[in-house]
Amino acid sequence: MSKKYYVATDHAGIDLKNHTCEYLKSKGIEVEDMGPFTKDRVDYPDYAVKVCEKILADEGSMGILICGSGIGISISANRFHGIRAALCHDAYTAKMGRAHNDGNVLCFGERIVGVGVAESIIDAWLEAEFEGGRHAGRVAKIEAIKG
């Protein structure tokens, strides 16, 4: 059974967000588009909050967050205990974000990656599974950080 994905962006990533939602749906994945729906200026932290709150309330779900660079929205997402947002620029970083870090939010930037690279990042993320083992202890240490 595939996981549900919550997807959002700010105004700088709306085209890639729309493509990402359709790409996930074409793979039979349930998607909730959390907006925005126009290119009017919005603040990426607001959309990171929307997605992260949904993920934390919906066990087993995942998220994809996009902004211009992916940096601001990934930083915002990682403020949530229980969220492990991975900023990925290629398929390898996406695979490692899932396999070694048990990432539950994939982040990338529309101004950094094109549609083809974004699809390869998404595919690598979807195909990877958390390896556990030695990585489980590290993820537990991340979750224990109170900051």
C-alpha atoms as a PDB file:
ATOM      1  CA  MET A   1       0.000   0.000   0.000  1.00  0.00           C
ATOM      2  CA  SER A   2       1.474   3.349  -0.975  1.00  0.00           C
ATOM      3  CA  LYS A   3       1.749   6.180   1.499  1.00  0.00           C
ATOM      4  CA  LYS A   4      -0.295   9.345   1.199  1.00  0.00           C
ATOM      5  CA  TYR A   5       1.728  12.419   0.222  1.00  0.00           C
ATOM      6  CA  TYR A   6       1.024  15.990   1.303  1.00  0.00           C
ATOM      7  CA  VAL A   7       2.606  18.460  -1.126  1.00  0.00           C
ATOM      8  CA  ALA A   8       3.096  22.225  -0.861  1.00  0.00           C
ATOM      9  CA  THR A   9       5.329  25.058  -1.992  1.00  0.00           C
ATOM     10  CA  ASP A  10       5.595  28.795  -1.954  1.00  0.00           C
ATOM     11  CA  HIS A  11       5.051  30.999  -5.013  1.00  0.00           C
ATOM     12  CA  ALA A  12       8.548  30.191  -6.332  1.00  0.00           C
ATOM     13  CA  GLY A  13       7.827  26.496  -6.769  1.00  0.00           C
ATOM     14  CA  ILE A  14       4.239  26.362  -7.936  1.00  0.00           C
ATOM     15  CA  ASP A  15       4.919  24.983 -11.431  1.00  0.00           C
ATOM     16  CA  LEU A  16       7.045  22.144 -10.088  1.00  0.00           C
ATOM     17  CA  LYS A  17       4.524  21.499  -7.278  1.00  0.00           C
ATOM     18  CA  ASN A  18       1.747  21.095  -9.821  1.00  0.00           C
ATOM     19  CA  HIS A  19       3.898  18.744 -11.893  1.00  0.00           C
ATOM     20  CA  THR A  20       4.925  16.789  -8.781  1.00  0.00           C
ATOM     21  CA  CYS A  21       1.301  16.248  -7.749  1.00  0.00           C
ATOM     22  CA  GLU A  22       0.387  14.960 -11.203  1.00  0.00           C
ATOM     23  CA  TYR A  23       3.517  12.797 -11.345  1.00  0.00           C
ATOM     24  CA  LEU A  24       2.681  11.151  -8.008  1.00  0.00           C
ATOM     25  CA  LYS A  25      -0.929  10.605  -9.047  1.00  0.00           C
ATOM     26  CA  SER A  26       0.247   8.965 -12.293  1.00  0.00           C
ATOM     27  CA  LYS A  27       2.011   6.411 -10.083  1.00  0.00           C
ATOM     28  CA  GLY A  28      -1.205   5.666  -8.184  1.00  0.00           C
ATOM     29  CA  ILE A  29      -0.155   7.598  -5.077  1.00  0.00           C
ATOM     30  CA  GLU A  30      -2.749   9.468  -3.051  1.00  0.00           C
ATOM     31  CA  VAL A  31      -1.845  13.167  -2.996  1.00  0.00           C
ATOM     32  CA  GLU A  32      -3.230  16.143  -1.121  1.00  0.00           C
ATOM     33  CA  ASP A  33      -2.152  19.432  -2.676  1.00  0.00           C
ATOM     34  CA  MET A  34      -1.792  21.859   0.230  1.00  0.00           C
ATOM     35  CA  GLY A  35      -1.260  24.881  -2.015  1.00  0.00           C
ATOM     36  CA  PRO A  36      -0.776  27.567  -2.866  1.00  0.00           C
ATOM     37  CA  PHE A  37      -2.782  27.635  -6.062  1.00  0.00           C
ATOM     38  CA  THR A  38      -1.647  30.948  -7.555  1.00  0.00           C
ATOM     39  CA  LYS A  39       1.726  32.616  -8.045  1.00  0.00           C
ATOM     40  CA  ASP A  40       0.863  35.418  -5.609  1.00  0.00           C
ATOM     41  CA  ARG A  41       3.668  35.886  -3.077  1.00  0.00           C
ATOM     42  CA  VAL A  42       3.367  33.725   0.033  1.00  0.00           C
ATOM     43  CA  ASP A  43       5.760  32.707   2.806  1.00  0.00           C
ATOM     44  CA  TYR A  44       7.268  29.209   2.666  1.00  0.00           C
ATOM     45  CA  PRO A  45       7.172  28.637   6.469  1.00  0.00           C
ATOM     46  CA  ASP A  46       3.358  28.785   6.365  1.00  0.00           C
ATOM     47  CA  TYR A  47       3.239  25.922   3.867  1.00  0.00           C
ATOM     48  CA  ALA A  48       5.862  23.871   5.686  1.00  0.00           C
ATOM     49  CA  VAL A  49       3.665  24.117   8.788  1.00  0.00           C
ATOM     50  CA  LYS A  50       0.577  22.951   6.877  1.00  0.00           C
ATOM     51  CA  VAL A  51       2.334  19.869   5.500  1.00  0.00           C
ATOM     52  CA  CYS A  52       4.193  18.937   8.682  1.00  0.00           C
ATOM     53  CA  GLU A  53       1.074  19.172  10.835  1.00  0.00           C
ATOM     54  CA  LYS A  54      -0.747  16.866   8.406  1.00  0.00           C
ATOM     55  CA  ILE A  55       2.101  14.333   8.377  1.00  0.00           C
ATOM     56  CA  LEU A  56       2.336  14.267  12.156  1.00  0.00           C
ATOM     57  CA  ALA A  57      -1.438  13.725  12.417  1.00  0.00           C
ATOM     58  CA  ASP A  58      -1.546  11.061   9.665  1.00  0.00           C
ATOM     59  CA  GLU A  59       0.764   8.215  10.676  1.00  0.00           C
ATOM     60  CA  GLY A  60       2.742   6.752   7.806  1.00  0.00           C
ATOM     61  CA  SER A  61       2.143   9.672   5.464  1.00  0.00           C
ATOM     62  CA  MET A  62       4.932  11.615   3.767  1.00  0.00           C
ATOM     63  CA  GLY A  63       5.459  15.072   2.356  1.00  0.00           C
ATOM     64  CA  ILE A  64       7.086  16.938  -0.462  1.00  0.00           C
ATOM     65  CA  LEU A  65       7.951  20.602   0.001  1.00  0.00           C
ATOM     66  CA  ILE A  66       9.242  22.888  -2.723  1.00  0.00           C
ATOM     67  CA  CYS A  67      10.403  26.489  -2.802  1.00  0.00           C
ATOM     68  CA  GLY A  68      12.842  28.388  -4.989  1.00  0.00           C
ATOM     69  CA  SER A  69      15.956  26.718  -3.578  1.00  0.00           C
ATOM     70  CA  GLY A  70      14.425  24.161  -1.210  1.00  0.00           C
ATOM     71  CA  ILE A  71      16.539  25.532   1.621  1.00  0.00           C
ATOM     72  CA  GLY A  72      14.075  27.742   3.486  1.00  0.00           C
ATOM     73  CA  ILE A  73      11.223  25.284   3.337  1.00  0.00           C
ATOM     74  CA  SER A  74      13.430  22.384   4.505  1.00  0.00           C
ATOM     75  CA  ILE A  75      14.729  24.435   7.434  1.00  0.00           C
ATOM     76  CA  SER A  76      11.139  25.305   8.365  1.00  0.00           C
ATOM     77  CA  ALA A  77      10.021  21.677   8.187  1.00  0.00           C
ATOM     78  CA  ASN A  78      12.892  20.474  10.342  1.00  0.00           C
ATOM     79  CA  ARG A  79      11.682  22.665  13.200  1.00  0.00           C
ATOM     80  CA  PHE A  80       9.032  19.992  13.876  1.00  0.00           C
ATOM     81  CA  HIS A  81       9.885  17.115  16.202  1.00  0.00           C
ATOM     82  CA  GLY A  82       9.195  13.940  14.221  1.00  0.00           C
ATOM     83  CA  ILE A  83       9.902  15.496  10.844  1.00  0.00           C
ATOM     84  CA  ARG A  84      13.059  14.580   8.997  1.00  0.00           C
ATOM     85  CA  ALA A  85      13.091  16.787   5.911  1.00  0.00           C
ATOM     86  CA  ALA A  86      15.795  16.010   3.361  1.00  0.00           C
ATOM     87  CA  LEU A  87      16.872  18.666   0.880  1.00  0.00           C
ATOM     88  CA  CYS A  88      17.751  16.690  -2.246  1.00  0.00           C
ATOM     89  CA  HIS A  89      19.352  17.814  -5.485  1.00  0.00           C
ATOM     90  CA  ASP A  90      19.696  14.449  -7.204  1.00  0.00           C
ATOM     91  CA  ALA A  91      18.577  10.812  -7.031  1.00  0.00           C
ATOM     92  CA  TYR A  92      21.491   9.779  -4.802  1.00  0.00           C
ATOM     93  CA  THR A  93      20.705  12.304  -2.062  1.00  0.00           C
ATOM     94  CA  ALA A  94      17.032  11.283  -2.221  1.00  0.00           C
ATOM     95  CA  LYS A  95      17.909   7.599  -1.872  1.00  0.00           C
ATOM     96  CA  MET A  96      20.189   8.301   1.100  1.00  0.00           C
ATOM     97  CA  GLY A  97      17.614  10.610   2.689  1.00  0.00           C
ATOM     98  CA  ARG A  98      15.220   7.660   2.900  1.00  0.00           C
ATOM     99  CA  ALA A  99      17.635   4.743   3.342  1.00  0.00           C
ATOM    100  CA  HIS A 100      19.938   6.242   5.985  1.00  0.00           C
ATOM    101  CA  ASN A 101      17.929   9.075   7.546  1.00  0.00           C
ATOM    102  CA  ASP A 102      14.358   7.724   7.433  1.00  0.00           C
ATOM    103  CA  GLY A 103      13.300  10.994   5.838  1.00  0.00           C
ATOM    104  CA  ASN A 104       9.590  11.669   5.766  1.00  0.00           C
ATOM    105  CA  VAL A 105       9.636  14.972   3.865  1.00  0.00           C
ATOM    106  CA  LEU A 106      11.384  15.371   0.523  1.00  0.00           C
ATOM    107  CA  CYS A 107      12.449  18.927  -0.322  1.00  0.00           C
ATOM    108  CA  PHE A 108      13.837  20.456  -3.492  1.00  0.00           C
ATOM    109  CA  GLY A 109      13.940  23.797  -5.270  1.00  0.00           C
ATOM    110  CA  GLU A 110      12.269  24.694  -8.532  1.00  0.00           C
ATOM    111  CA  ARG A 111      15.092  27.124  -9.335  1.00  0.00           C
ATOM    112  CA  ILE A 112      17.660  24.352  -8.738  1.00  0.00           C
ATOM    113  CA  VAL A 113      16.228  21.212 -10.349  1.00  0.00           C
ATOM    114  CA  GLY A 114      14.288  20.846 -13.565  1.00  0.00           C
ATOM    115  CA  VAL A 115      11.317  18.592 -14.163  1.00  0.00           C
ATOM    116  CA  GLY A 116      13.390  15.611 -15.304  1.00  0.00           C
ATOM    117  CA  VAL A 117      15.728  15.773 -12.323  1.00  0.00           C
ATOM    118  CA  ALA A 118      12.759  16.257  -9.986  1.00  0.00           C
ATOM    119  CA  GLU A 119      11.170  13.095 -11.370  1.00  0.00           C
ATOM    120  CA  SER A 120      14.401  11.139 -10.817  1.00  0.00           C
ATOM    121  CA  ILE A 121      14.587  12.488  -7.249  1.00  0.00           C
ATOM    122  CA  ILE A 122      10.985  11.468  -6.589  1.00  0.00           C
ATOM    123  CA  ASP A 123      11.528   8.010  -8.092  1.00  0.00           C
ATOM    124  CA  ALA A 124      14.617   7.398  -5.961  1.00  0.00           C
ATOM    125  CA  TRP A 125      12.737   8.560  -2.842  1.00  0.00           C
ATOM    126  CA  LEU A 126       9.770   6.302  -3.601  1.00  0.00           C
ATOM    127  CA  GLU A 127      11.958   3.264  -4.310  1.00  0.00           C
ATOM    128  CA  ALA A 128      14.138   3.586  -1.204  1.00  0.00           C
ATOM    129  CA  GLU A 129      13.232   2.158   2.184  1.00  0.00           C
ATOM    130  CA  PHE A 130      14.776   2.942   5.543  1.00  0.00           C
ATOM    131  CA  GLU A 131      17.560   0.416   6.117  1.00  0.00           C
ATOM    132  CA  GLY A 132      17.368   0.513   9.919  1.00  0.00           C
ATOM    133  CA  GLY A 133      20.309  -1.264  11.538  1.00  0.00           C
ATOM    134  CA  ARG A 134      23.136   1.096  12.383  1.00  0.00           C
ATOM    135  CA  HIS A 135      21.102   3.969  10.984  1.00  0.00           C
ATOM    136  CA  ALA A 136      18.234   3.428  13.446  1.00  0.00           C
ATOM    137  CA  GLY A 137      20.389   4.505  16.373  1.00  0.00           C
ATOM    138  CA  ARG A 138      21.405   7.659  14.567  1.00  0.00           C
ATOM    139  CA  VAL A 139      17.812   8.526  13.714  1.00  0.00           C
ATOM    140  CA  ALA A 140      16.877   7.924  17.375  1.00  0.00           C
ATOM    141  CA  LYS A 141      19.600  10.392  18.384  1.00  0.00           C
ATOM    142  CA  ILE A 142      18.179  12.950  15.954  1.00  0.00           C
ATOM    143  CA  GLU A 143      14.716  12.479  17.446  1.00  0.00           C
ATOM    144  CA  ALA A 144      16.116  12.885  20.978  1.00  0.00           C
ATOM    145  CA  ILE A 145      17.580  16.329  20.244  1.00  0.00           C
ATOM    146  CA  LYS A 146      15.592  18.931  22.134  1.00  0.00           C
ATOM    147  CA  GLY A 147      17.637  21.988  21.090  1.00  0.00           C
END
